[in-house]
Amino acid sequence: MTTAPAGMAPVFHGWNVWDVWQASDPDENILGKIWHAGISPDQLLRLWVENQIEDNAPGANVSDPLNPSPEHFRGDEVQIIGKPSGLEVAAARESAGLGDALQVGNEGSEALFRSVRFYNRGGETVMPWPRDKNFVVDAVYTPSATNPLTNAPAPTTAGAALGSAGDSLAHALTALAWVGGAVGALFVLSKLQRGR
């Protein structure tokens, strides 16, 4: 899929890259169920992107499927990057019917221009153009097999990282058990030798 109907944004399988305008003074309740006191602007952006996909893109999946604590790592699958280069725009804010006017945040507030990438483990889909009072997607880029932003391997999941650590721990415990068993056997043999 390279195009989406007017008012819709494509969500590709694999890596996706978006340009986003972010309010410098977001409202108190921008994330609905997540109150943002003390959360950095970077984390707010990550949370917003993940929530947009989760709530509005049927079949897409950005969250870590093996995350042992969904709220703890929420938004961590979204990466903030520098302005992308070498990618073509698949859809833009103007083509979504939002026009040239851009109002993000409260009256007179500044908008911050950010770029993000995230990995969709789910299927390719479309969603209503991502926007609210505090954020608006400016452009969605078409993935390219030759661009390192979109042809990179899938990110490692927290569950997989824990699985690798668990495997390492299991190997260490097995080795420790072998060493402990060998020491125990030597101790028993030593006692048997002295008893003769």
N, C-alpha and C. Protein backbone atom coordinates (compact mmCIF):
# COMPACT_ATOMS: atom_id res chain seq x y z
N MET A 1 0.84 -1.17 0.00
CA MET A 1 0.00 0.00 0.00
C MET A 1 0.89 1.24 0.00
N THR A 2 0.67 2.14 -0.92
CA THR A 2 1.43 3.39 -0.92
C THR A 2 0.51 4.59 -0.76
N THR A 3 -0.79 4.41 -0.91
CA THR A 3 -1.71 5.52 -0.74
C THR A 3 -2.81 5.13 0.24
N ALA A 4 -3.43 6.12 0.82
CA ALA A 4 -4.55 5.90 1.73
C ALA A 4 -5.66 6.85 1.32
N PRO A 5 -6.90 6.49 1.59
CA PRO A 5 -8.01 7.41 1.26
C PRO A 5 -7.83 8.75 1.97
N ALA A 6 -8.47 9.78 1.44
CA ALA A 6 -8.38 11.12 2.06
C ALA A 6 -8.81 11.04 3.51
N GLY A 7 -8.07 11.72 4.36
CA GLY A 7 -8.38 11.74 5.78
C GLY A 7 -7.83 10.56 6.54
N MET A 8 -7.15 9.65 5.85
CA MET A 8 -6.60 8.45 6.49
C MET A 8 -5.08 8.43 6.34
N ALA A 9 -4.42 7.77 7.27
CA ALA A 9 -2.96 7.63 7.23
C ALA A 9 -2.63 6.15 7.10
N PRO A 10 -1.69 5.80 6.22
CA PRO A 10 -1.28 4.40 6.12
C PRO A 10 -0.39 4.00 7.30
N VAL A 11 -0.53 2.77 7.73
CA VAL A 11 0.36 2.18 8.73
C VAL A 11 0.92 0.93 8.08
N PHE A 12 2.21 0.93 7.83
CA PHE A 12 2.86 -0.16 7.12
C PHE A 12 3.28 -1.27 8.08
N HIS A 13 3.37 -2.49 7.56
CA HIS A 13 3.99 -3.56 8.35
C HIS A 13 5.49 -3.25 8.40
N GLY A 14 6.11 -3.45 9.54
CA GLY A 14 7.53 -3.15 9.70
C GLY A 14 7.71 -1.73 10.19
N TRP A 15 8.82 -1.12 9.77
CA TRP A 15 9.16 0.23 10.25
C TRP A 15 8.29 1.29 9.60
N ASN A 16 7.81 2.22 10.39
CA ASN A 16 7.04 3.37 9.95
C ASN A 16 7.76 4.62 10.43
N VAL A 17 7.72 5.67 9.62
CA VAL A 17 8.34 6.94 9.98
C VAL A 17 7.29 8.03 9.81
N TRP A 18 7.14 8.85 10.86
CA TRP A 18 6.19 9.97 10.87
C TRP A 18 6.91 11.24 11.24
N ASP A 19 6.44 12.37 10.67
CA ASP A 19 6.76 13.70 11.17
C ASP A 19 5.56 14.15 11.98
N VAL A 20 5.81 14.71 13.16
CA VAL A 20 4.73 15.09 14.08
C VAL A 20 4.98 16.50 14.63
N TRP A 21 3.92 17.30 14.68
CA TRP A 21 3.96 18.57 15.39
C TRP A 21 3.45 18.31 16.80
N GLN A 22 4.19 18.79 17.81
CA GLN A 22 3.85 18.55 19.21
C GLN A 22 3.72 19.88 19.93
N ALA A 23 2.64 20.04 20.71
CA ALA A 23 2.45 21.26 21.48
C ALA A 23 3.53 21.39 22.54
N SER A 24 4.04 22.60 22.71
CA SER A 24 5.05 22.82 23.75
C SER A 24 4.42 22.92 25.13
N ASP A 25 3.10 23.13 25.18
CA ASP A 25 2.38 23.23 26.46
C ASP A 25 1.12 22.37 26.40
N PRO A 26 1.26 21.06 26.44
CA PRO A 26 0.10 20.17 26.26
C PRO A 26 -0.91 20.30 27.40
N ASP A 27 -2.16 19.96 27.07
CA ASP A 27 -3.22 19.94 28.08
C ASP A 27 -2.94 18.90 29.14
N GLU A 28 -3.59 19.08 30.29
CA GLU A 28 -3.39 18.17 31.43
C GLU A 28 -3.73 16.72 31.11
N ASN A 29 -4.76 16.48 30.32
CA ASN A 29 -5.26 15.12 30.14
C ASN A 29 -5.07 14.60 28.72
N ILE A 30 -3.95 14.91 28.11
CA ILE A 30 -3.77 14.58 26.70
C ILE A 30 -3.81 13.10 26.40
N LEU A 31 -3.47 12.27 27.38
CA LEU A 31 -3.41 10.84 27.11
C LEU A 31 -4.59 10.08 27.72
N GLY A 32 -5.63 10.78 28.09
CA GLY A 32 -6.79 10.11 28.63
C GLY A 32 -6.49 9.42 29.93
N LYS A 33 -6.27 8.12 29.86
CA LYS A 33 -6.07 7.33 31.08
C LYS A 33 -4.70 7.54 31.71
N ILE A 34 -3.78 8.16 31.02
CA ILE A 34 -2.44 8.37 31.58
C ILE A 34 -2.24 9.86 31.84
N TRP A 35 -2.18 10.26 33.09
CA TRP A 35 -1.92 11.66 33.43
C TRP A 35 -0.43 11.90 33.29
N HIS A 36 -0.03 13.00 32.72
CA HIS A 36 1.36 13.18 32.30
C HIS A 36 2.23 14.02 33.23
N ALA A 37 1.83 14.27 34.45
CA ALA A 37 2.67 15.06 35.35
C ALA A 37 4.03 14.38 35.52
N GLY A 38 5.08 15.13 35.26
CA GLY A 38 6.43 14.60 35.44
C GLY A 38 6.94 13.78 34.27
N ILE A 39 6.16 13.62 33.22
CA ILE A 39 6.61 12.86 32.05
C ILE A 39 7.25 13.83 31.07
N SER A 40 8.41 13.47 30.54
CA SER A 40 9.13 14.36 29.63
C SER A 40 8.37 14.51 28.31
N PRO A 41 8.61 15.61 27.57
CA PRO A 41 7.98 15.78 26.27
C PRO A 41 8.29 14.63 25.31
N ASP A 42 9.51 14.07 25.38
CA ASP A 42 9.85 12.93 24.53
C ASP A 42 8.96 11.73 24.85
N GLN A 43 8.79 11.43 26.13
CA GLN A 43 7.97 10.29 26.51
C GLN A 43 6.50 10.53 26.18
N LEU A 44 6.03 11.76 26.32
CA LEU A 44 4.65 12.09 25.93
C LEU A 44 4.43 11.79 24.46
N LEU A 45 5.39 12.17 23.62
CA LEU A 45 5.28 11.90 22.19
C LEU A 45 5.24 10.40 21.93
N ARG A 46 6.13 9.65 22.56
CA ARG A 46 6.16 8.20 22.38
C ARG A 46 4.82 7.56 22.80
N LEU A 47 4.32 7.99 23.96
CA LEU A 47 3.05 7.46 24.44
C LEU A 47 1.90 7.80 23.50
N TRP A 48 1.89 9.03 23.01
CA TRP A 48 0.82 9.45 22.11
C TRP A 48 0.82 8.61 20.84
N VAL A 49 1.99 8.41 20.23
CA VAL A 49 2.07 7.62 19.00
C VAL A 49 1.57 6.19 19.26
N GLU A 50 2.06 5.57 20.33
CA GLU A 50 1.63 4.20 20.62
C GLU A 50 0.13 4.14 20.87
N ASN A 51 -0.42 5.11 21.60
CA ASN A 51 -1.86 5.13 21.84
C ASN A 51 -2.65 5.32 20.55
N GLN A 52 -2.16 6.18 19.65
CA GLN A 52 -2.85 6.38 18.38
C GLN A 52 -2.96 5.07 17.61
N ILE A 53 -1.86 4.33 17.53
CA ILE A 53 -1.86 3.06 16.80
C ILE A 53 -2.78 2.06 17.50
N GLU A 54 -2.63 1.95 18.81
CA GLU A 54 -3.42 0.98 19.57
C GLU A 54 -4.92 1.25 19.45
N ASP A 55 -5.31 2.53 19.52
CA ASP A 55 -6.73 2.88 19.54
C ASP A 55 -7.37 3.02 18.17
N ASN A 56 -6.58 3.32 17.13
CA ASN A 56 -7.20 3.70 15.85
C ASN A 56 -6.75 2.92 14.62
N ALA A 57 -5.77 2.03 14.75
CA ALA A 57 -5.26 1.30 13.58
C ALA A 57 -5.55 -0.19 13.75
N PRO A 58 -6.70 -0.66 13.28
CA PRO A 58 -7.06 -2.06 13.47
C PRO A 58 -6.04 -3.00 12.81
N GLY A 59 -5.59 -3.98 13.58
CA GLY A 59 -4.64 -4.96 13.05
C GLY A 59 -3.19 -4.59 13.23
N ALA A 60 -2.91 -3.32 13.58
CA ALA A 60 -1.52 -2.90 13.81
C ALA A 60 -1.14 -3.19 15.26
N ASN A 61 0.16 -3.36 15.51
CA ASN A 61 0.63 -3.62 16.87
C ASN A 61 2.03 -3.05 17.04
N VAL A 62 2.12 -2.00 17.85
CA VAL A 62 3.40 -1.34 18.11
C VAL A 62 3.97 -1.76 19.45
N SER A 63 3.11 -2.12 20.39
CA SER A 63 3.59 -2.44 21.73
C SER A 63 4.39 -3.74 21.71
N ASP A 64 5.23 -3.91 22.71
CA ASP A 64 6.06 -5.09 22.85
C ASP A 64 5.17 -6.28 23.23
N PRO A 65 5.07 -7.30 22.37
CA PRO A 65 4.14 -8.41 22.65
C PRO A 65 4.54 -9.26 23.84
N LEU A 66 5.80 -9.20 24.25
CA LEU A 66 6.26 -10.01 25.37
C LEU A 66 6.60 -9.17 26.59
N ASN A 67 6.08 -7.95 26.61
CA ASN A 67 6.37 -7.03 27.69
C ASN A 67 5.80 -7.56 29.00
N PRO A 68 6.65 -7.80 30.02
CA PRO A 68 6.15 -8.33 31.28
C PRO A 68 5.32 -7.34 32.08
N SER A 69 5.43 -6.06 31.78
CA SER A 69 4.70 -5.02 32.51
C SER A 69 4.28 -3.94 31.52
N PRO A 70 3.09 -4.09 30.90
CA PRO A 70 2.70 -3.17 29.83
C PRO A 70 2.79 -1.69 30.17
N GLU A 71 2.41 -1.27 31.37
CA GLU A 71 2.46 0.15 31.69
C GLU A 71 3.88 0.65 31.90
N HIS A 72 4.78 -0.21 32.41
CA HIS A 72 6.15 0.21 32.70
C HIS A 72 6.90 0.60 31.44
N PHE A 73 6.76 -0.18 30.38
CA PHE A 73 7.51 0.08 29.15
C PHE A 73 6.66 0.76 28.09
N ARG A 74 5.49 1.23 28.43
CA ARG A 74 4.58 1.80 27.45
C ARG A 74 5.25 2.96 26.71
N GLY A 75 5.16 2.93 25.40
CA GLY A 75 5.73 3.98 24.57
C GLY A 75 7.19 3.77 24.23
N ASP A 76 7.86 2.84 24.87
CA ASP A 76 9.29 2.65 24.65
C ASP A 76 9.61 2.04 23.28
N GLU A 77 8.61 1.52 22.59
CA GLU A 77 8.84 0.96 21.26
C GLU A 77 8.89 2.05 20.19
N VAL A 78 8.54 3.28 20.53
CA VAL A 78 8.57 4.40 19.59
C VAL A 78 9.89 5.14 19.77
N GLN A 79 10.59 5.36 18.67
CA GLN A 79 11.90 6.02 18.72
C GLN A 79 11.80 7.43 18.13
N ILE A 80 12.38 8.39 18.81
CA ILE A 80 12.46 9.75 18.28
C ILE A 80 13.75 9.85 17.49
N ILE A 81 13.65 10.31 16.26
CA ILE A 81 14.80 10.35 15.35
C ILE A 81 14.98 11.76 14.80
N GLY A 82 16.10 11.99 14.12
CA GLY A 82 16.31 13.24 13.41
C GLY A 82 15.43 13.27 12.17
N LYS A 83 15.37 14.42 11.51
CA LYS A 83 14.57 14.57 10.30
C LYS A 83 14.99 13.50 9.30
N PRO A 84 14.04 12.66 8.84
CA PRO A 84 14.40 11.59 7.92
C PRO A 84 14.80 12.11 6.54
N SER A 85 15.71 11.38 5.92
CA SER A 85 16.08 11.73 4.55
C SER A 85 16.08 10.46 3.72
N GLY A 86 15.87 10.62 2.43
CA GLY A 86 15.89 9.49 1.52
C GLY A 86 14.60 8.69 1.49
N LEU A 87 13.54 9.18 2.11
CA LEU A 87 12.25 8.51 2.07
C LEU A 87 11.23 9.40 1.38
N GLU A 88 10.31 8.79 0.63
CA GLU A 88 9.26 9.54 -0.03
C GLU A 88 8.05 9.64 0.88
N VAL A 89 7.33 10.75 0.77
CA VAL A 89 6.12 10.94 1.56
C VAL A 89 5.00 10.10 0.96
N ALA A 90 4.38 9.27 1.81
CA ALA A 90 3.24 8.46 1.39
C ALA A 90 1.94 9.25 1.52
N ALA A 91 1.86 10.07 2.58
CA ALA A 91 0.68 10.90 2.81
C ALA A 91 1.11 12.09 3.66
N ALA A 92 0.45 13.23 3.41
CA ALA A 92 0.79 14.45 4.14
C ALA A 92 -0.47 15.07 4.74
N ARG A 93 -0.27 15.92 5.72
CA ARG A 93 -1.38 16.56 6.42
C ARG A 93 -2.31 17.27 5.46
N GLU A 94 -1.77 17.97 4.47
CA GLU A 94 -2.60 18.69 3.51
C GLU A 94 -3.48 17.73 2.71
N SER A 95 -2.92 16.57 2.29
CA SER A 95 -3.70 15.61 1.51
C SER A 95 -4.74 14.90 2.37
N ALA A 96 -4.59 14.99 3.70
CA ALA A 96 -5.57 14.38 4.60
C ALA A 96 -6.76 15.30 4.81
N GLY A 97 -6.75 16.46 4.14
CA GLY A 97 -7.86 17.38 4.25
C GLY A 97 -7.75 18.31 5.44
N LEU A 98 -6.57 18.40 6.05
CA LEU A 98 -6.40 19.28 7.20
C LEU A 98 -5.90 20.66 6.79
N GLY A 99 -5.59 20.83 5.51
CA GLY A 99 -5.19 22.13 5.00
C GLY A 99 -3.85 22.61 5.52
N ASP A 100 -3.55 23.86 5.22
CA ASP A 100 -2.28 24.45 5.61
C ASP A 100 -2.29 24.96 7.05
N ALA A 101 -3.46 25.28 7.58
CA ALA A 101 -3.53 25.85 8.93
C ALA A 101 -3.08 24.81 9.95
N LEU A 102 -2.27 25.25 10.88
CA LEU A 102 -1.77 24.35 11.90
C LEU A 102 -1.93 25.01 13.27
N GLN A 103 -2.82 24.46 14.08
CA GLN A 103 -2.97 24.92 15.46
C GLN A 103 -2.74 23.73 16.35
N VAL A 104 -1.63 23.76 17.09
CA VAL A 104 -1.30 22.70 18.03
C VAL A 104 -1.06 23.36 19.37
N GLY A 105 -1.71 22.86 20.39
CA GLY A 105 -1.56 23.42 21.72
C GLY A 105 -2.52 24.56 21.96
N ASN A 106 -2.28 25.31 23.01
CA ASN A 106 -3.15 26.42 23.39
C ASN A 106 -2.87 27.63 22.52
N GLU A 107 -3.79 28.57 22.54
CA GLU A 107 -3.66 29.81 21.76
C GLU A 107 -2.31 30.46 22.03
N GLY A 108 -1.55 30.74 20.98
CA GLY A 108 -0.26 31.40 21.12
C GLY A 108 0.90 30.49 21.50
N SER A 109 0.65 29.19 21.66
CA SER A 109 1.76 28.30 22.03
C SER A 109 2.56 27.90 20.80
N GLU A 110 3.76 27.46 21.04
CA GLU A 110 4.63 27.03 19.95
C GLU A 110 4.43 25.54 19.70
N ALA A 111 4.68 25.14 18.46
CA ALA A 111 4.62 23.72 18.11
C ALA A 111 6.04 23.24 17.83
N LEU A 112 6.38 22.08 18.36
CA LEU A 112 7.69 21.49 18.14
C LEU A 112 7.60 20.47 17.01
N PHE A 113 8.52 20.52 16.06
CA PHE A 113 8.53 19.57 14.96
C PHE A 113 9.40 18.38 15.35
N ARG A 114 8.84 17.18 15.32
CA ARG A 114 9.54 15.97 15.72
C ARG A 114 9.37 14.90 14.65
N SER A 115 10.31 13.97 14.59
CA SER A 115 10.18 12.80 13.72
C SER A 115 10.33 11.56 14.58
N VAL A 116 9.52 10.55 14.27
CA VAL A 116 9.54 9.30 15.03
C VAL A 116 9.55 8.12 14.07
N ARG A 117 9.99 6.98 14.61
CA ARG A 117 9.80 5.74 13.88
C ARG A 117 9.34 4.69 14.88
N PHE A 118 8.54 3.76 14.37
CA PHE A 118 8.04 2.68 15.20
C PHE A 118 7.88 1.44 14.33
N TYR A 119 7.92 0.30 14.96
CA TYR A 119 7.83 -0.97 14.24
C TYR A 119 6.45 -1.57 14.45
N ASN A 120 5.73 -1.79 13.36
CA ASN A 120 4.41 -2.42 13.41
C ASN A 120 4.58 -3.91 13.19
N ARG A 121 4.35 -4.70 14.25
CA ARG A 121 4.43 -6.16 14.16
C ARG A 121 3.16 -6.75 13.55
N GLY A 122 2.13 -5.94 13.45
CA GLY A 122 0.85 -6.39 12.91
C GLY A 122 0.78 -6.19 11.40
N GLY A 123 -0.45 -6.22 10.90
CA GLY A 123 -0.66 -6.09 9.47
C GLY A 123 -0.70 -4.65 9.01
N GLU A 124 -0.58 -4.49 7.70
CA GLU A 124 -0.67 -3.18 7.07
C GLU A 124 -2.12 -2.71 7.16
N THR A 125 -2.33 -1.45 7.47
CA THR A 125 -3.69 -0.95 7.65
C THR A 125 -3.73 0.55 7.39
N VAL A 126 -4.88 1.15 7.57
CA VAL A 126 -5.02 2.61 7.53
C VAL A 126 -5.75 3.03 8.80
N MET A 127 -5.61 4.30 9.15
CA MET A 127 -6.27 4.82 10.34
C MET A 127 -6.66 6.27 10.10
N PRO A 128 -7.65 6.78 10.84
CA PRO A 128 -7.97 8.21 10.71
C PRO A 128 -6.70 9.03 10.99
N TRP A 129 -6.57 10.14 10.27
CA TRP A 129 -5.34 10.93 10.37
C TRP A 129 -5.05 11.26 11.84
N PRO A 130 -3.87 10.88 12.36
CA PRO A 130 -3.55 11.08 13.79
C PRO A 130 -3.39 12.56 14.14
N ARG A 131 -4.31 13.03 14.98
CA ARG A 131 -4.26 14.43 15.40
C ARG A 131 -5.17 14.63 16.60
N ASP A 132 -4.83 15.60 17.40
CA ASP A 132 -5.70 16.11 18.46
C ASP A 132 -5.20 17.51 18.77
N LYS A 133 -5.64 18.08 19.87
CA LYS A 133 -5.25 19.46 20.18
C LYS A 133 -3.75 19.60 20.42
N ASN A 134 -3.08 18.55 20.86
CA ASN A 134 -1.69 18.63 21.27
C ASN A 134 -0.69 18.05 20.28
N PHE A 135 -1.15 17.24 19.35
CA PHE A 135 -0.27 16.58 18.37
C PHE A 135 -0.99 16.52 17.03
N VAL A 136 -0.23 16.60 15.96
CA VAL A 136 -0.77 16.32 14.64
C VAL A 136 0.36 15.73 13.78
N VAL A 137 0.05 14.64 13.09
CA VAL A 137 1.03 14.05 12.18
C VAL A 137 1.10 14.93 10.94
N ASP A 138 2.28 15.33 10.55
CA ASP A 138 2.48 16.18 9.39
C ASP A 138 2.70 15.35 8.13
N ALA A 139 3.44 14.23 8.25
CA ALA A 139 3.71 13.38 7.09
C ALA A 139 3.96 11.95 7.53
N VAL A 140 3.55 11.03 6.67
CA VAL A 140 3.83 9.61 6.82
C VAL A 140 4.70 9.23 5.64
N TYR A 141 5.82 8.55 5.91
CA TYR A 141 6.76 8.20 4.85
C TYR A 141 6.58 6.77 4.39
N THR A 142 6.85 6.54 3.11
CA THR A 142 6.81 5.20 2.54
C THR A 142 8.11 4.47 2.90
N PRO A 143 8.01 3.28 3.49
CA PRO A 143 9.23 2.52 3.80
C PRO A 143 10.01 2.19 2.53
N SER A 144 11.32 2.11 2.66
CA SER A 144 12.19 1.79 1.54
C SER A 144 13.13 0.66 1.93
N ALA A 145 13.29 -0.29 1.03
CA ALA A 145 14.18 -1.42 1.29
C ALA A 145 15.65 -1.01 1.30
N THR A 146 15.95 0.21 0.83
CA THR A 146 17.35 0.65 0.77
C THR A 146 17.68 1.72 1.82
N ASN A 147 16.70 2.11 2.63
CA ASN A 147 16.94 3.15 3.64
C ASN A 147 17.09 2.50 5.01
N PRO A 148 18.19 2.80 5.73
CA PRO A 148 18.42 2.18 7.03
C PRO A 148 17.33 2.48 8.07
N LEU A 149 16.57 3.55 7.88
CA LEU A 149 15.49 3.86 8.82
C LEU A 149 14.37 2.82 8.75
N THR A 150 14.16 2.26 7.55
CA THR A 150 13.02 1.36 7.38
C THR A 150 13.40 -0.06 6.96
N ASN A 151 14.68 -0.33 6.72
CA ASN A 151 15.05 -1.70 6.38
C ASN A 151 15.82 -2.39 7.50
N ALA A 152 15.82 -1.80 8.68
CA ALA A 152 16.53 -2.37 9.83
C ALA A 152 15.76 -3.57 10.37
N PRO A 153 16.44 -4.47 11.10
CA PRO A 153 15.73 -5.59 11.72
C PRO A 153 14.71 -5.08 12.75
N ALA A 154 13.74 -5.92 13.06
CA ALA A 154 12.75 -5.58 14.08
C ALA A 154 13.45 -5.34 15.41
N PRO A 155 12.94 -4.44 16.22
CA PRO A 155 13.56 -4.20 17.52
C PRO A 155 13.42 -5.42 18.43
N THR A 156 14.37 -5.58 19.32
CA THR A 156 14.31 -6.66 20.30
C THR A 156 13.23 -6.32 21.31
N THR A 157 12.43 -7.31 21.66
CA THR A 157 11.36 -7.07 22.63
C THR A 157 11.89 -7.22 24.04
N ALA A 158 11.22 -6.59 24.99
CA ALA A 158 11.61 -6.71 26.40
C ALA A 158 11.51 -8.16 26.83
N GLY A 159 10.45 -8.84 26.38
CA GLY A 159 10.29 -10.25 26.73
C GLY A 159 11.42 -11.10 26.19
N ALA A 160 11.84 -10.79 24.96
CA ALA A 160 12.95 -11.55 24.37
C ALA A 160 14.24 -11.27 25.12
N ALA A 161 14.43 -9.99 25.50
CA ALA A 161 15.63 -9.65 26.27
C ALA A 161 15.61 -10.38 27.61
N LEU A 162 14.44 -10.42 28.25
CA LEU A 162 14.33 -11.15 29.50
C LEU A 162 14.54 -12.64 29.27
N GLY A 163 14.06 -13.12 28.11
CA GLY A 163 14.26 -14.54 27.78
C GLY A 163 15.73 -14.85 27.62
N SER A 164 16.48 -13.97 26.95
CA SER A 164 17.92 -14.18 26.78
C SER A 164 18.62 -14.14 28.13
N ALA A 165 18.23 -13.19 28.98
CA ALA A 165 18.82 -13.11 30.31
C ALA A 165 18.46 -14.35 31.10
N GLY A 166 17.23 -14.82 30.94
CA GLY A 166 16.80 -16.04 31.63
C GLY A 166 17.59 -17.25 31.16
N ASP A 167 17.84 -17.32 29.84
CA ASP A 167 18.65 -18.43 29.31
C ASP A 167 20.05 -18.38 29.89
N SER A 168 20.64 -17.19 29.94
CA SER A 168 21.99 -17.04 30.50
C SER A 168 22.01 -17.44 31.97
N LEU A 169 20.98 -17.01 32.70
CA LEU A 169 20.89 -17.37 34.11
C LEU A 169 20.74 -18.88 34.27
N ALA A 170 19.93 -19.50 33.42
CA ALA A 170 19.75 -20.95 33.49
C ALA A 170 21.07 -21.67 33.22
N HIS A 171 21.84 -21.21 32.23
CA HIS A 171 23.14 -21.82 31.93
C HIS A 171 24.10 -21.65 33.12
N ALA A 172 24.08 -20.46 33.73
CA ALA A 172 24.96 -20.21 34.88
C ALA A 172 24.57 -21.09 36.06
N LEU A 173 23.27 -21.23 36.30
CA LEU A 173 22.81 -22.09 37.39
C LEU A 173 23.14 -23.56 37.14
N THR A 174 23.03 -23.98 35.88
CA THR A 174 23.39 -25.36 35.53
C THR A 174 24.88 -25.60 35.79
N ALA A 175 25.71 -24.64 35.36
CA ALA A 175 27.15 -24.78 35.60
C ALA A 175 27.44 -24.79 37.09
N LEU A 176 26.76 -23.93 37.84
CA LEU A 176 26.95 -23.89 39.29
C LEU A 176 26.53 -25.21 39.93
N ALA A 177 25.44 -25.78 39.44
CA ALA A 177 24.97 -27.07 39.97
C ALA A 177 26.01 -28.16 39.70
N TRP A 178 26.60 -28.14 38.50
CA TRP A 178 27.63 -29.13 38.18
C TRP A 178 28.84 -28.98 39.10
N VAL A 179 29.28 -27.73 39.28
CA VAL A 179 30.43 -27.47 40.15
C VAL A 179 30.08 -27.89 41.58
N GLY A 180 28.89 -27.51 42.06
CA GLY A 180 28.46 -27.88 43.40
C GLY A 180 28.38 -29.38 43.57
N GLY A 181 27.88 -30.07 42.55
CA GLY A 181 27.80 -31.53 42.60
C GLY A 181 29.18 -32.16 42.65
N ALA A 182 30.10 -31.62 41.85
CA ALA A 182 31.47 -32.16 41.83
C ALA A 182 32.14 -31.94 43.19
N VAL A 183 31.98 -30.74 43.77
CA VAL A 183 32.55 -30.46 45.09
C VAL A 183 31.94 -31.38 46.14
N GLY A 184 30.63 -31.57 46.07
CA GLY A 184 29.95 -32.47 47.00
C GLY A 184 30.45 -33.89 46.88
N ALA A 185 30.63 -34.36 45.66
CA ALA A 185 31.12 -35.72 45.44
C ALA A 185 32.53 -35.87 45.98
N LEU A 186 33.38 -34.87 45.78
CA LEU A 186 34.75 -34.92 46.31
C LEU A 186 34.73 -34.94 47.84
N PHE A 187 33.82 -34.18 48.44
CA PHE A 187 33.70 -34.17 49.90
C PHE A 187 33.29 -35.55 50.43
N VAL A 188 32.32 -36.16 49.77
CA VAL A 188 31.87 -37.50 50.18
C VAL A 188 33.00 -38.51 50.01
N LEU A 189 33.71 -38.47 48.89
CA LEU A 189 34.82 -39.38 48.66
C LEU A 189 35.92 -39.17 49.70
N SER A 190 36.17 -37.90 50.06
CA SER A 190 37.18 -37.59 51.06
C SER A 190 36.78 -38.18 52.41
N LYS A 191 35.51 -38.07 52.78
CA LYS A 191 35.05 -38.63 54.05
C LYS A 191 35.13 -40.16 54.03
N LEU A 192 34.82 -40.74 52.89
CA LEU A 192 34.89 -42.20 52.77
C LEU A 192 36.34 -42.69 52.89
N GLN A 193 37.26 -41.92 52.29
CA GLN A 193 38.69 -42.28 52.34
C GLN A 193 39.19 -42.22 53.78
N ARG A 194 38.81 -41.21 54.51
CA ARG A 194 39.27 -41.05 55.91
C ARG A 194 38.66 -42.12 56.82
N GLY A 195 37.45 -42.56 56.44
CA GLY A 195 36.77 -43.54 57.27
C GLY A 195 37.37 -44.92 57.15
N ARG A 196 38.16 -45.21 56.21
CA ARG A 196 38.75 -46.56 56.02
C ARG A 196 39.88 -46.79 56.90
